[in-house]
């Protein structure tokens, strides 16, 4: 039986969730790229200013979470194009909502996707496994020469892979094929901005006209 994908809209982000059984690999969403002369064009699809903003957002958000909730929670903050993804564990629904409120008040944040689970903190073994899964996913994306691995962020939490990025529908479909074979992925949440092929073409480096 094919996996069921449920999609919902978060601001400009399209998020999809896929649940898999132990024997069915799960599709994944990834940012795409272009091939020039057989070489993958790997470039971040955010402006340099936005990249700096995302780094600042992650740092400020983590500091605010520590100040307000301390060590009773395990929260990872990932920011892409000023949209925050929250993953990890918190002891109560109240804490889950408090974390979202705290980070939403950080300067320049335009949206929050709250994927925190109300559970006990994950173990060191679980976190080590998640690091391994992330490495496998990234390696598979790099190996796919018709995709740009730098166009997305990969986060894994308790076997669930989260992808953030700016991609075309074509790239999304291709990425699904690539990640289907990734070992260790149990579930997928896709948080991405769908762009047109024309938008992608404008982002890519343009060839310089030969000087006469």
N, C-alpha and C. Protein backbone atom coordinates (compact mmCIF):
# COMPACT_ATOMS: atom_id res chain seq x y z
N UNK A 1 0.84 -1.19 0.00
CA UNK A 1 0.00 0.00 0.00
C UNK A 1 0.88 1.24 0.00
N UNK A 2 0.53 2.19 -0.85
CA UNK A 2 1.33 3.40 -0.95
C UNK A 2 1.18 4.26 0.30
N UNK A 3 2.26 4.98 0.70
CA UNK A 3 2.17 5.88 1.83
C UNK A 3 1.16 6.99 1.55
N UNK A 4 0.48 7.44 2.59
CA UNK A 4 -0.47 8.53 2.46
C UNK A 4 0.22 9.82 2.86
N UNK A 5 0.12 10.83 2.02
CA UNK A 5 0.74 12.12 2.29
C UNK A 5 -0.34 13.13 2.61
N UNK A 6 -0.23 13.72 3.78
CA UNK A 6 -1.16 14.76 4.18
C UNK A 6 -0.45 16.09 4.11
N UNK A 7 -1.05 17.07 3.42
CA UNK A 7 -0.40 18.35 3.21
C UNK A 7 -1.21 19.47 3.83
N UNK A 8 -0.49 20.46 4.36
CA UNK A 8 -1.16 21.65 4.88
C UNK A 8 -0.27 22.85 4.61
N UNK A 9 -0.83 24.05 4.66
CA UNK A 9 -0.11 25.25 4.29
C UNK A 9 0.29 26.03 5.53
N UNK A 10 1.59 26.35 5.64
CA UNK A 10 2.10 27.19 6.72
C UNK A 10 2.68 28.44 6.08
N UNK A 11 1.96 29.55 6.15
CA UNK A 11 2.37 30.80 5.53
C UNK A 11 2.69 30.51 4.06
N UNK A 12 3.97 30.60 3.65
CA UNK A 12 4.35 30.28 2.28
C UNK A 12 4.91 28.88 2.18
N UNK A 13 4.85 28.14 3.28
CA UNK A 13 5.49 26.82 3.29
C UNK A 13 4.48 25.73 3.10
N UNK A 14 4.83 24.74 2.32
CA UNK A 14 3.99 23.57 2.12
C UNK A 14 4.57 22.45 2.95
N UNK A 15 3.79 21.95 3.91
CA UNK A 15 4.31 20.90 4.79
C UNK A 15 3.57 19.62 4.51
N UNK A 16 4.31 18.53 4.37
CA UNK A 16 3.71 17.23 4.14
C UNK A 16 4.20 16.25 5.17
N UNK A 17 3.34 15.35 5.62
CA UNK A 17 3.71 14.35 6.62
C UNK A 17 3.46 12.97 6.05
N UNK A 18 4.45 12.14 6.15
CA UNK A 18 4.32 10.78 5.65
C UNK A 18 4.63 9.81 6.77
N UNK A 19 3.76 8.84 7.03
CA UNK A 19 4.06 7.81 8.00
C UNK A 19 4.37 6.52 7.28
N UNK A 20 5.41 5.82 7.73
CA UNK A 20 5.82 4.59 7.06
C UNK A 20 5.82 3.42 8.01
N UNK A 21 5.59 2.27 7.46
CA UNK A 21 5.80 1.05 8.23
C UNK A 21 7.28 0.71 8.16
N UNK A 22 7.71 -0.30 8.90
CA UNK A 22 9.12 -0.63 8.97
C UNK A 22 9.67 -1.06 7.61
N UNK A 23 8.81 -1.57 6.73
CA UNK A 23 9.32 -2.11 5.46
C UNK A 23 9.11 -1.18 4.28
N UNK A 24 8.46 -0.03 4.50
CA UNK A 24 8.21 0.88 3.38
C UNK A 24 9.02 2.15 3.57
N UNK A 25 9.96 2.48 2.66
CA UNK A 25 10.73 3.70 2.80
C UNK A 25 9.85 4.90 2.56
N UNK A 26 10.22 6.05 3.10
CA UNK A 26 9.35 7.17 2.95
C UNK A 26 9.86 8.25 2.05
N UNK A 27 8.96 8.90 1.35
CA UNK A 27 9.36 9.95 0.45
C UNK A 27 9.82 11.18 1.20
N UNK A 28 10.60 11.96 0.56
CA UNK A 28 11.24 13.08 1.23
C UNK A 28 11.22 14.27 0.30
N UNK A 29 11.24 15.43 0.84
CA UNK A 29 11.20 16.61 0.03
C UNK A 29 12.52 17.32 0.03
N UNK A 30 12.94 17.75 -1.09
CA UNK A 30 14.26 18.33 -1.14
C UNK A 30 14.34 19.47 -2.13
N UNK A 31 15.31 20.32 -1.91
CA UNK A 31 15.49 21.43 -2.81
C UNK A 31 16.24 21.01 -4.03
N UNK A 32 15.97 21.64 -5.13
CA UNK A 32 16.57 21.22 -6.37
C UNK A 32 17.66 22.12 -6.85
N UNK A 33 18.17 21.82 -8.00
CA UNK A 33 19.25 22.61 -8.54
C UNK A 33 19.28 22.50 -10.04
N UNK A 34 20.45 22.70 -10.62
CA UNK A 34 20.60 22.59 -12.06
C UNK A 34 21.92 21.96 -12.36
N UNK A 35 22.00 21.36 -13.54
CA UNK A 35 23.23 20.72 -13.93
C UNK A 35 23.83 21.50 -15.10
N UNK A 36 25.09 21.89 -14.97
CA UNK A 36 25.78 22.60 -16.03
C UNK A 36 27.02 21.81 -16.37
N UNK A 37 27.06 21.29 -17.60
CA UNK A 37 28.22 20.51 -17.99
C UNK A 37 28.43 19.29 -17.13
N UNK A 38 27.32 18.71 -16.59
CA UNK A 38 27.42 17.51 -15.77
C UNK A 38 27.79 17.79 -14.33
N UNK A 39 27.95 19.07 -13.95
CA UNK A 39 28.32 19.41 -12.58
C UNK A 39 27.13 20.03 -11.87
N UNK A 40 26.83 19.56 -10.66
CA UNK A 40 25.70 20.09 -9.92
C UNK A 40 25.97 21.52 -9.47
N UNK A 41 25.01 22.40 -9.69
CA UNK A 41 25.11 23.76 -9.19
C UNK A 41 24.55 23.78 -7.78
N UNK A 42 25.41 23.94 -6.80
CA UNK A 42 24.98 23.91 -5.40
C UNK A 42 25.02 25.32 -4.85
N UNK A 43 23.85 25.88 -4.61
CA UNK A 43 23.79 27.24 -4.08
C UNK A 43 22.59 27.39 -3.18
N UNK A 44 22.76 28.20 -2.15
CA UNK A 44 21.67 28.48 -1.25
C UNK A 44 20.70 29.43 -1.94
N UNK A 45 19.43 29.15 -1.85
CA UNK A 45 18.44 29.96 -2.55
C UNK A 45 17.91 31.10 -1.71
N UNK A 46 18.55 31.35 -0.60
CA UNK A 46 18.27 32.54 0.20
C UNK A 46 19.32 33.60 -0.11
N UNK A 47 18.97 34.86 0.14
CA UNK A 47 19.98 35.90 0.00
C UNK A 47 20.97 35.78 1.16
N UNK A 48 22.15 36.37 1.00
CA UNK A 48 23.15 36.32 2.06
C UNK A 48 22.62 36.99 3.33
N UNK A 49 21.82 38.05 3.15
CA UNK A 49 21.23 38.72 4.31
C UNK A 49 20.26 37.83 5.05
N UNK A 50 19.47 37.05 4.31
CA UNK A 50 18.52 36.14 4.93
C UNK A 50 19.22 35.01 5.67
N UNK A 51 20.33 34.51 5.09
CA UNK A 51 21.10 33.47 5.77
C UNK A 51 21.59 33.97 7.12
N UNK A 52 22.10 35.20 7.16
CA UNK A 52 22.56 35.78 8.42
C UNK A 52 21.40 35.94 9.40
N UNK A 53 20.25 36.37 8.87
CA UNK A 53 19.06 36.50 9.72
C UNK A 53 18.65 35.16 10.31
N UNK A 54 18.67 34.12 9.50
CA UNK A 54 18.30 32.79 9.99
C UNK A 54 19.24 32.33 11.09
N UNK A 55 20.53 32.57 10.93
CA UNK A 55 21.49 32.20 11.98
C UNK A 55 21.21 32.95 13.27
N UNK A 56 20.91 34.23 13.14
CA UNK A 56 20.61 35.05 14.33
C UNK A 56 19.31 34.59 14.99
N UNK A 57 18.31 34.25 14.18
CA UNK A 57 17.03 33.79 14.70
C UNK A 57 17.22 32.51 15.51
N UNK A 58 18.01 31.58 14.99
CA UNK A 58 18.25 30.32 15.70
C UNK A 58 18.91 30.57 17.05
N UNK A 59 19.93 31.42 17.06
CA UNK A 59 20.65 31.70 18.30
C UNK A 59 19.76 32.39 19.32
N UNK A 60 19.06 33.43 18.89
CA UNK A 60 18.19 34.17 19.80
C UNK A 60 17.05 33.30 20.33
N UNK A 61 16.49 32.47 19.46
CA UNK A 61 15.39 31.60 19.87
C UNK A 61 15.86 30.59 20.91
N UNK A 62 17.01 29.97 20.68
CA UNK A 62 17.56 28.99 21.62
C UNK A 62 17.83 29.64 22.97
N UNK A 63 18.36 30.85 22.95
CA UNK A 63 18.64 31.56 24.21
C UNK A 63 17.35 31.87 24.97
N UNK A 64 16.31 32.27 24.25
CA UNK A 64 15.04 32.58 24.90
C UNK A 64 14.38 31.33 25.48
N UNK A 65 14.51 30.22 24.77
CA UNK A 65 13.96 28.96 25.29
C UNK A 65 14.68 28.57 26.58
N UNK A 66 16.01 28.69 26.59
CA UNK A 66 16.79 28.37 27.79
C UNK A 66 16.39 29.27 28.95
N UNK A 67 16.20 30.55 28.68
CA UNK A 67 15.85 31.50 29.73
C UNK A 67 14.47 31.22 30.31
N UNK A 68 13.53 30.77 29.48
CA UNK A 68 12.14 30.60 29.92
C UNK A 68 11.81 29.19 30.40
N UNK A 69 12.50 28.17 29.86
CA UNK A 69 12.13 26.79 30.20
C UNK A 69 13.29 25.96 30.74
N UNK A 70 14.50 26.44 30.61
CA UNK A 70 15.64 25.74 31.18
C UNK A 70 15.85 24.36 30.60
N UNK A 71 16.34 23.44 31.43
CA UNK A 71 16.73 22.11 30.97
C UNK A 71 15.59 21.09 30.98
N UNK A 72 14.39 21.53 31.33
CA UNK A 72 13.29 20.55 31.36
C UNK A 72 12.77 20.21 29.97
N UNK A 73 13.23 20.94 28.95
CA UNK A 73 12.81 20.66 27.59
C UNK A 73 14.02 20.36 26.71
N UNK A 74 13.78 19.62 25.64
CA UNK A 74 14.81 19.38 24.62
C UNK A 74 14.24 19.90 23.31
N UNK A 75 14.70 21.08 22.89
CA UNK A 75 14.13 21.75 21.72
C UNK A 75 15.24 22.11 20.74
N UNK A 76 15.04 21.74 19.49
CA UNK A 76 15.93 22.16 18.41
C UNK A 76 15.21 23.21 17.58
N UNK A 77 15.92 24.28 17.25
CA UNK A 77 15.36 25.37 16.46
C UNK A 77 16.06 25.42 15.12
N UNK A 78 15.28 25.34 14.05
CA UNK A 78 15.82 25.45 12.71
C UNK A 78 15.08 26.58 11.99
N UNK A 79 15.83 27.51 11.43
CA UNK A 79 15.20 28.63 10.72
C UNK A 79 15.62 28.61 9.26
N UNK A 80 14.64 28.71 8.37
CA UNK A 80 14.92 28.80 6.94
C UNK A 80 14.03 29.89 6.35
N UNK A 81 14.67 30.88 5.75
CA UNK A 81 13.94 32.00 5.16
C UNK A 81 13.01 32.65 6.19
N UNK A 82 13.53 32.73 7.40
CA UNK A 82 12.87 33.38 8.55
C UNK A 82 11.63 32.64 9.05
N UNK A 83 11.48 31.40 8.65
CA UNK A 83 10.44 30.55 9.23
C UNK A 83 11.08 29.52 10.15
N UNK A 84 10.54 29.39 11.35
CA UNK A 84 11.13 28.52 12.37
C UNK A 84 10.44 27.16 12.38
N UNK A 85 11.27 26.13 12.48
CA UNK A 85 10.79 24.77 12.74
C UNK A 85 11.24 24.38 14.15
N UNK A 86 10.29 23.95 14.97
CA UNK A 86 10.59 23.49 16.33
C UNK A 86 10.46 21.97 16.38
N UNK A 87 11.52 21.29 16.80
CA UNK A 87 11.48 19.85 16.97
C UNK A 87 12.07 19.49 18.32
N UNK A 88 11.73 18.30 18.80
CA UNK A 88 12.23 17.88 20.11
C UNK A 88 11.09 17.46 21.02
N UNK A 89 11.34 17.53 22.32
CA UNK A 89 10.36 17.06 23.30
C UNK A 89 10.17 18.07 24.42
N UNK A 90 8.93 18.15 24.89
CA UNK A 90 8.58 18.98 26.04
C UNK A 90 7.66 18.17 26.96
N UNK A 91 7.64 18.47 28.27
CA UNK A 91 6.86 17.66 29.20
C UNK A 91 5.35 17.89 29.17
N UNK A 92 4.89 19.01 28.58
CA UNK A 92 3.45 19.29 28.62
C UNK A 92 3.02 20.10 27.41
N UNK A 93 1.71 20.09 27.14
CA UNK A 93 1.16 20.88 26.05
C UNK A 93 1.36 22.36 26.32
N UNK A 94 1.31 22.76 27.60
CA UNK A 94 1.52 24.16 27.95
C UNK A 94 2.94 24.60 27.58
N UNK A 95 3.90 23.74 27.85
CA UNK A 95 5.28 24.06 27.49
C UNK A 95 5.44 24.15 25.97
N UNK A 96 4.76 23.28 25.26
CA UNK A 96 4.82 23.30 23.79
C UNK A 96 4.35 24.64 23.25
N UNK A 97 3.24 25.12 23.78
CA UNK A 97 2.71 26.41 23.33
C UNK A 97 3.58 27.57 23.79
N UNK A 98 4.17 27.45 24.97
CA UNK A 98 5.05 28.50 25.48
C UNK A 98 6.29 28.64 24.61
N UNK A 99 6.87 27.51 24.20
CA UNK A 99 8.05 27.57 23.33
C UNK A 99 7.71 28.29 22.03
N UNK A 100 6.57 27.95 21.44
CA UNK A 100 6.16 28.59 20.19
C UNK A 100 5.98 30.09 20.38
N UNK A 101 5.40 30.49 21.49
CA UNK A 101 5.17 31.91 21.76
C UNK A 101 6.50 32.64 21.93
N UNK A 102 7.41 32.04 22.66
CA UNK A 102 8.70 32.67 22.94
C UNK A 102 9.47 32.92 21.64
N UNK A 103 9.51 31.93 20.76
CA UNK A 103 10.30 32.10 19.54
C UNK A 103 9.58 32.99 18.52
N UNK A 104 8.26 33.01 18.55
CA UNK A 104 7.53 33.85 17.60
C UNK A 104 7.77 35.33 17.85
N UNK A 105 8.22 35.65 19.05
CA UNK A 105 8.48 37.05 19.41
C UNK A 105 9.89 37.50 19.05
N UNK A 106 10.70 36.60 18.53
CA UNK A 106 12.05 36.96 18.09
C UNK A 106 11.95 37.84 16.84
N UNK A 107 12.79 38.83 16.76
CA UNK A 107 12.76 39.77 15.64
C UNK A 107 12.98 39.05 14.31
N UNK A 108 12.19 39.44 13.31
CA UNK A 108 12.28 38.96 11.92
C UNK A 108 11.65 37.59 11.67
N UNK A 109 11.11 36.94 12.69
CA UNK A 109 10.46 35.64 12.48
C UNK A 109 9.11 35.88 11.78
N UNK A 110 8.87 35.14 10.69
CA UNK A 110 7.62 35.32 9.95
C UNK A 110 6.64 34.18 10.13
N UNK A 111 7.07 33.09 10.79
CA UNK A 111 6.17 31.97 11.01
C UNK A 111 6.84 30.89 11.83
N UNK A 112 6.03 30.07 12.49
CA UNK A 112 6.53 28.97 13.33
C UNK A 112 5.78 27.69 12.99
N UNK A 113 6.53 26.64 12.71
CA UNK A 113 5.96 25.30 12.54
C UNK A 113 6.34 24.51 13.78
N UNK A 114 5.34 24.21 14.60
CA UNK A 114 5.59 23.60 15.91
C UNK A 114 5.41 22.09 15.84
N UNK A 115 6.53 21.37 15.74
CA UNK A 115 6.52 19.91 15.68
C UNK A 115 7.02 19.28 16.98
N UNK A 116 6.97 20.03 18.07
CA UNK A 116 7.39 19.50 19.36
C UNK A 116 6.46 18.37 19.81
N UNK A 117 7.04 17.34 20.40
CA UNK A 117 6.27 16.22 20.93
C UNK A 117 6.19 16.32 22.44
N UNK A 118 5.02 16.01 23.00
CA UNK A 118 4.86 15.98 24.45
C UNK A 118 5.30 14.60 24.92
N UNK A 119 6.59 14.49 25.21
CA UNK A 119 7.22 13.23 25.58
C UNK A 119 8.40 13.51 26.50
N UNK A 120 8.94 12.44 27.07
CA UNK A 120 10.20 12.56 27.77
C UNK A 120 11.32 12.84 26.78
N UNK A 121 12.40 13.46 27.23
CA UNK A 121 13.50 13.80 26.34
C UNK A 121 14.08 12.54 25.69
N UNK A 122 14.46 12.66 24.43
CA UNK A 122 15.06 11.55 23.71
C UNK A 122 16.39 11.17 24.34
N UNK A 123 16.78 9.91 24.14
CA UNK A 123 18.02 9.41 24.73
C UNK A 123 19.21 9.76 23.84
N UNK A 124 20.40 9.58 24.40
CA UNK A 124 21.62 9.81 23.63
C UNK A 124 21.69 8.87 22.42
N UNK A 125 21.25 7.64 22.61
CA UNK A 125 21.24 6.68 21.51
C UNK A 125 20.31 7.13 20.39
N UNK A 126 19.12 7.61 20.76
CA UNK A 126 18.18 8.09 19.76
C UNK A 126 18.76 9.28 18.99
N UNK A 127 19.42 10.17 19.70
CA UNK A 127 19.98 11.35 19.05
C UNK A 127 21.13 10.97 18.14
N UNK A 128 21.91 10.00 18.54
CA UNK A 128 23.01 9.51 17.69
C UNK A 128 22.46 8.89 16.41
N UNK A 129 21.38 8.12 16.55
CA UNK A 129 20.74 7.53 15.37
C UNK A 129 20.20 8.60 14.43
N UNK A 130 19.65 9.67 15.02
CA UNK A 130 19.13 10.76 14.20
C UNK A 130 20.25 11.45 13.41
N UNK A 131 21.39 11.62 14.03
CA UNK A 131 22.54 12.22 13.35
C UNK A 131 22.95 11.34 12.17
N UNK A 132 22.93 10.03 12.37
CA UNK A 132 23.28 9.10 11.31
C UNK A 132 22.29 9.18 10.15
N UNK A 133 21.00 9.23 10.48
CA UNK A 133 19.98 9.33 9.43
C UNK A 133 20.15 10.63 8.64
N UNK A 134 20.39 11.72 9.35
CA UNK A 134 20.60 13.01 8.67
C UNK A 134 21.78 12.92 7.70
N UNK A 135 22.86 12.29 8.14
CA UNK A 135 24.04 12.14 7.29
C UNK A 135 23.73 11.33 6.04
N UNK A 136 22.95 10.27 6.21
CA UNK A 136 22.58 9.44 5.06
C UNK A 136 21.72 10.23 4.06
N UNK A 137 20.76 10.97 4.60
CA UNK A 137 19.87 11.74 3.72
C UNK A 137 20.68 12.77 2.94
N UNK A 138 21.55 13.49 3.63
CA UNK A 138 22.36 14.51 2.95
C UNK A 138 23.26 13.89 1.89
N UNK A 139 23.83 12.75 2.21
CA UNK A 139 24.71 12.08 1.25
C UNK A 139 23.94 11.68 -0.01
N UNK A 140 22.73 11.16 0.18
CA UNK A 140 21.91 10.77 -0.96
C UNK A 140 21.54 11.97 -1.82
N UNK A 141 21.28 13.11 -1.17
CA UNK A 141 20.93 14.31 -1.92
C UNK A 141 22.12 14.82 -2.71
N UNK A 142 23.30 14.76 -2.11
CA UNK A 142 24.51 15.19 -2.82
C UNK A 142 24.79 14.27 -4.01
N UNK A 143 24.57 12.97 -3.83
CA UNK A 143 24.83 12.01 -4.89
C UNK A 143 23.88 12.19 -6.08
N UNK A 144 22.71 12.75 -5.83
CA UNK A 144 21.76 13.00 -6.92
C UNK A 144 22.22 14.24 -7.68
N UNK A 145 22.87 14.03 -8.80
CA UNK A 145 23.53 15.13 -9.52
C UNK A 145 22.55 16.14 -10.11
N UNK A 146 21.29 15.78 -10.21
CA UNK A 146 20.32 16.72 -10.76
C UNK A 146 19.57 17.47 -9.66
N UNK A 147 20.09 17.43 -8.42
CA UNK A 147 19.50 18.15 -7.30
C UNK A 147 20.58 19.00 -6.63
N UNK A 148 20.16 20.07 -5.99
CA UNK A 148 21.09 20.94 -5.27
C UNK A 148 20.90 20.75 -3.77
N UNK A 149 21.85 20.07 -3.14
CA UNK A 149 21.74 19.78 -1.71
C UNK A 149 21.78 21.04 -0.87
N UNK A 150 22.42 22.10 -1.37
CA UNK A 150 22.51 23.35 -0.60
C UNK A 150 21.21 24.13 -0.57
N UNK A 151 20.22 23.68 -1.29
CA UNK A 151 18.96 24.43 -1.34
C UNK A 151 18.00 24.01 -0.24
N UNK A 152 18.43 23.15 0.68
CA UNK A 152 17.52 22.72 1.75
C UNK A 152 18.27 22.46 3.04
N UNK A 153 17.52 22.42 4.11
CA UNK A 153 18.02 22.05 5.42
C UNK A 153 17.39 20.72 5.82
N UNK A 154 18.19 19.85 6.42
CA UNK A 154 17.71 18.54 6.85
C UNK A 154 17.83 18.44 8.37
N UNK A 155 16.75 18.08 9.03
CA UNK A 155 16.74 17.86 10.47
C UNK A 155 16.06 16.53 10.75
N UNK A 156 16.60 15.74 11.67
CA UNK A 156 15.98 14.47 12.03
C UNK A 156 15.72 14.41 13.53
N UNK A 157 14.54 13.98 13.91
CA UNK A 157 14.14 13.87 15.31
C UNK A 157 13.37 12.57 15.51
N UNK A 158 13.95 11.64 16.30
CA UNK A 158 13.31 10.35 16.60
C UNK A 158 12.90 9.62 15.31
N UNK A 159 13.77 9.65 14.31
CA UNK A 159 13.52 8.94 13.07
C UNK A 159 12.68 9.69 12.06
N UNK A 160 12.15 10.84 12.45
CA UNK A 160 11.38 11.67 11.53
C UNK A 160 12.31 12.69 10.88
N UNK A 161 12.28 12.75 9.57
CA UNK A 161 13.11 13.69 8.82
C UNK A 161 12.27 14.91 8.44
N UNK A 162 12.83 16.09 8.71
CA UNK A 162 12.19 17.36 8.35
C UNK A 162 13.04 18.05 7.30
N UNK A 163 12.41 18.52 6.25
CA UNK A 163 13.13 19.23 5.19
C UNK A 163 12.55 20.61 5.00
N UNK A 164 13.45 21.59 4.89
CA UNK A 164 13.05 22.96 4.63
C UNK A 164 13.82 23.45 3.40
N UNK A 165 13.16 24.21 2.56
CA UNK A 165 13.86 24.74 1.41
C UNK A 165 12.92 25.39 0.42
N UNK A 166 13.49 25.87 -0.69
CA UNK A 166 12.72 26.49 -1.77
C UNK A 166 12.93 25.63 -3.02
N UNK A 167 11.86 25.01 -3.51
CA UNK A 167 11.99 24.05 -4.60
C UNK A 167 10.83 24.18 -5.58
N UNK A 168 11.07 23.69 -6.78
CA UNK A 168 9.99 23.58 -7.76
C UNK A 168 9.26 22.26 -7.54
N UNK A 169 8.10 22.13 -8.15
CA UNK A 169 7.36 20.87 -8.03
C UNK A 169 8.14 19.72 -8.65
N UNK A 170 8.81 20.01 -9.76
CA UNK A 170 9.64 18.99 -10.41
C UNK A 170 10.72 18.48 -9.45
N UNK A 171 11.37 19.39 -8.76
CA UNK A 171 12.42 19.01 -7.83
C UNK A 171 11.87 18.22 -6.66
N UNK A 172 10.69 18.61 -6.22
CA UNK A 172 10.04 17.89 -5.13
C UNK A 172 9.79 16.44 -5.52
N UNK A 173 9.30 16.24 -6.73
CA UNK A 173 9.03 14.88 -7.20
C UNK A 173 10.32 14.06 -7.31
N UNK A 174 11.36 14.68 -7.83
CA UNK A 174 12.64 13.99 -7.98
C UNK A 174 13.23 13.66 -6.61
N UNK A 175 13.11 14.59 -5.68
CA UNK A 175 13.64 14.37 -4.34
C UNK A 175 12.93 13.21 -3.65
N UNK A 176 11.65 13.09 -3.90
CA UNK A 176 10.90 11.98 -3.32
C UNK A 176 11.49 10.65 -3.75
N UNK A 177 11.85 10.57 -5.00
CA UNK A 177 12.46 9.34 -5.51
C UNK A 177 13.79 9.06 -4.81
N UNK A 178 14.57 10.11 -4.60
CA UNK A 178 15.90 9.95 -4.01
C UNK A 178 15.80 9.46 -2.58
N UNK A 179 14.88 10.03 -1.80
CA UNK A 179 14.85 9.74 -0.37
C UNK A 179 14.12 8.44 -0.06
N UNK A 180 13.37 7.96 -1.01
CA UNK A 180 12.65 6.71 -0.80
C UNK A 180 13.58 5.59 -0.35
N UNK A 181 14.80 5.61 -0.86
CA UNK A 181 15.75 4.55 -0.51
C UNK A 181 16.65 4.84 0.66
N UNK A 182 16.41 5.92 1.37
CA UNK A 182 17.27 6.28 2.49
C UNK A 182 16.99 5.40 3.71
N UNK A 183 18.00 4.74 4.20
CA UNK A 183 17.85 3.82 5.33
C UNK A 183 17.64 4.58 6.63
N UNK A 184 16.71 4.09 7.45
CA UNK A 184 16.50 4.65 8.78
C UNK A 184 15.43 5.71 8.88
N UNK A 185 14.91 6.20 7.75
CA UNK A 185 13.87 7.22 7.78
C UNK A 185 12.53 6.56 8.07
N UNK A 186 11.87 7.01 9.13
CA UNK A 186 10.60 6.41 9.54
C UNK A 186 9.40 7.27 9.14
N UNK A 187 9.62 8.56 9.00
CA UNK A 187 8.51 9.48 8.74
C UNK A 187 9.10 10.75 8.13
N UNK A 188 8.30 11.43 7.33
CA UNK A 188 8.78 12.65 6.69
C UNK A 188 7.83 13.82 6.91
N UNK A 189 8.40 14.95 7.25
CA UNK A 189 7.64 16.20 7.30
C UNK A 189 8.34 17.18 6.36
N UNK A 190 7.62 17.66 5.38
CA UNK A 190 8.19 18.58 4.40
C UNK A 190 7.68 19.99 4.65
N UNK A 191 8.60 20.90 4.81
CA UNK A 191 8.25 22.30 5.03
C UNK A 191 9.02 23.11 4.01
N UNK A 192 8.39 23.44 2.91
CA UNK A 192 9.11 24.09 1.84
C UNK A 192 8.25 25.09 1.11
N UNK A 193 8.94 25.93 0.40
CA UNK A 193 8.28 26.93 -0.42
C UNK A 193 8.37 26.48 -1.88
N UNK A 194 7.22 26.33 -2.49
CA UNK A 194 7.19 25.91 -3.88
C UNK A 194 7.36 27.13 -4.78
N UNK A 195 8.37 27.08 -5.65
CA UNK A 195 8.63 28.17 -6.58
C UNK A 195 8.42 27.66 -8.01
N UNK A 196 8.27 28.59 -8.93
CA UNK A 196 8.06 28.22 -10.33
C UNK A 196 9.41 27.95 -11.01
N UNK A 197 9.36 27.31 -12.17
CA UNK A 197 10.57 27.08 -12.94
C UNK A 197 11.20 28.40 -13.37
N UNK A 198 10.38 29.40 -13.65
CA UNK A 198 10.91 30.71 -14.03
C UNK A 198 11.65 31.36 -12.86
N UNK A 199 11.09 31.23 -11.66
CA UNK A 199 11.77 31.78 -10.48
C UNK A 199 13.11 31.10 -10.26
N UNK A 200 13.14 29.78 -10.45
CA UNK A 200 14.39 29.05 -10.29
C UNK A 200 15.42 29.51 -11.31
N UNK A 201 14.99 29.70 -12.55
CA UNK A 201 15.92 30.13 -13.59
C UNK A 201 16.53 31.48 -13.27
N UNK A 202 15.75 32.36 -12.65
CA UNK A 202 16.27 33.69 -12.29
C UNK A 202 17.28 33.61 -11.15
N UNK A 203 17.17 32.57 -10.31
CA UNK A 203 18.08 32.42 -9.18
C UNK A 203 19.44 31.87 -9.59
N UNK A 204 19.46 31.10 -10.68
CA UNK A 204 20.69 30.43 -11.09
C UNK A 204 21.65 31.40 -11.74
N UNK A 205 22.95 31.16 -11.59
CA UNK A 205 23.95 32.04 -12.22
C UNK A 205 23.75 32.10 -13.73
N UNK A 206 23.80 33.29 -14.26
CA UNK A 206 23.61 33.46 -15.69
C UNK A 206 24.95 33.43 -16.41
N UNK A 207 25.04 32.78 -17.58
CA UNK A 207 26.31 32.75 -18.33
C UNK A 207 26.70 34.14 -18.80
N UNK A 208 27.98 34.42 -18.72
CA UNK A 208 28.49 35.72 -19.16
C UNK A 208 28.58 35.74 -20.68
N UNK A 209 28.12 36.83 -21.27
CA UNK A 209 28.23 36.97 -22.72
C UNK A 209 29.70 37.06 -23.12
N UNK A 210 30.05 36.38 -24.17
CA UNK A 210 31.44 36.43 -24.63
C UNK A 210 31.78 37.85 -25.09
N UNK A 211 32.94 38.32 -24.67
CA UNK A 211 33.36 39.67 -25.05
C UNK A 211 33.76 39.70 -26.52
N UNK A 212 33.32 40.71 -27.18
CA UNK A 212 33.64 40.85 -28.60
C UNK A 212 35.02 41.48 -28.76
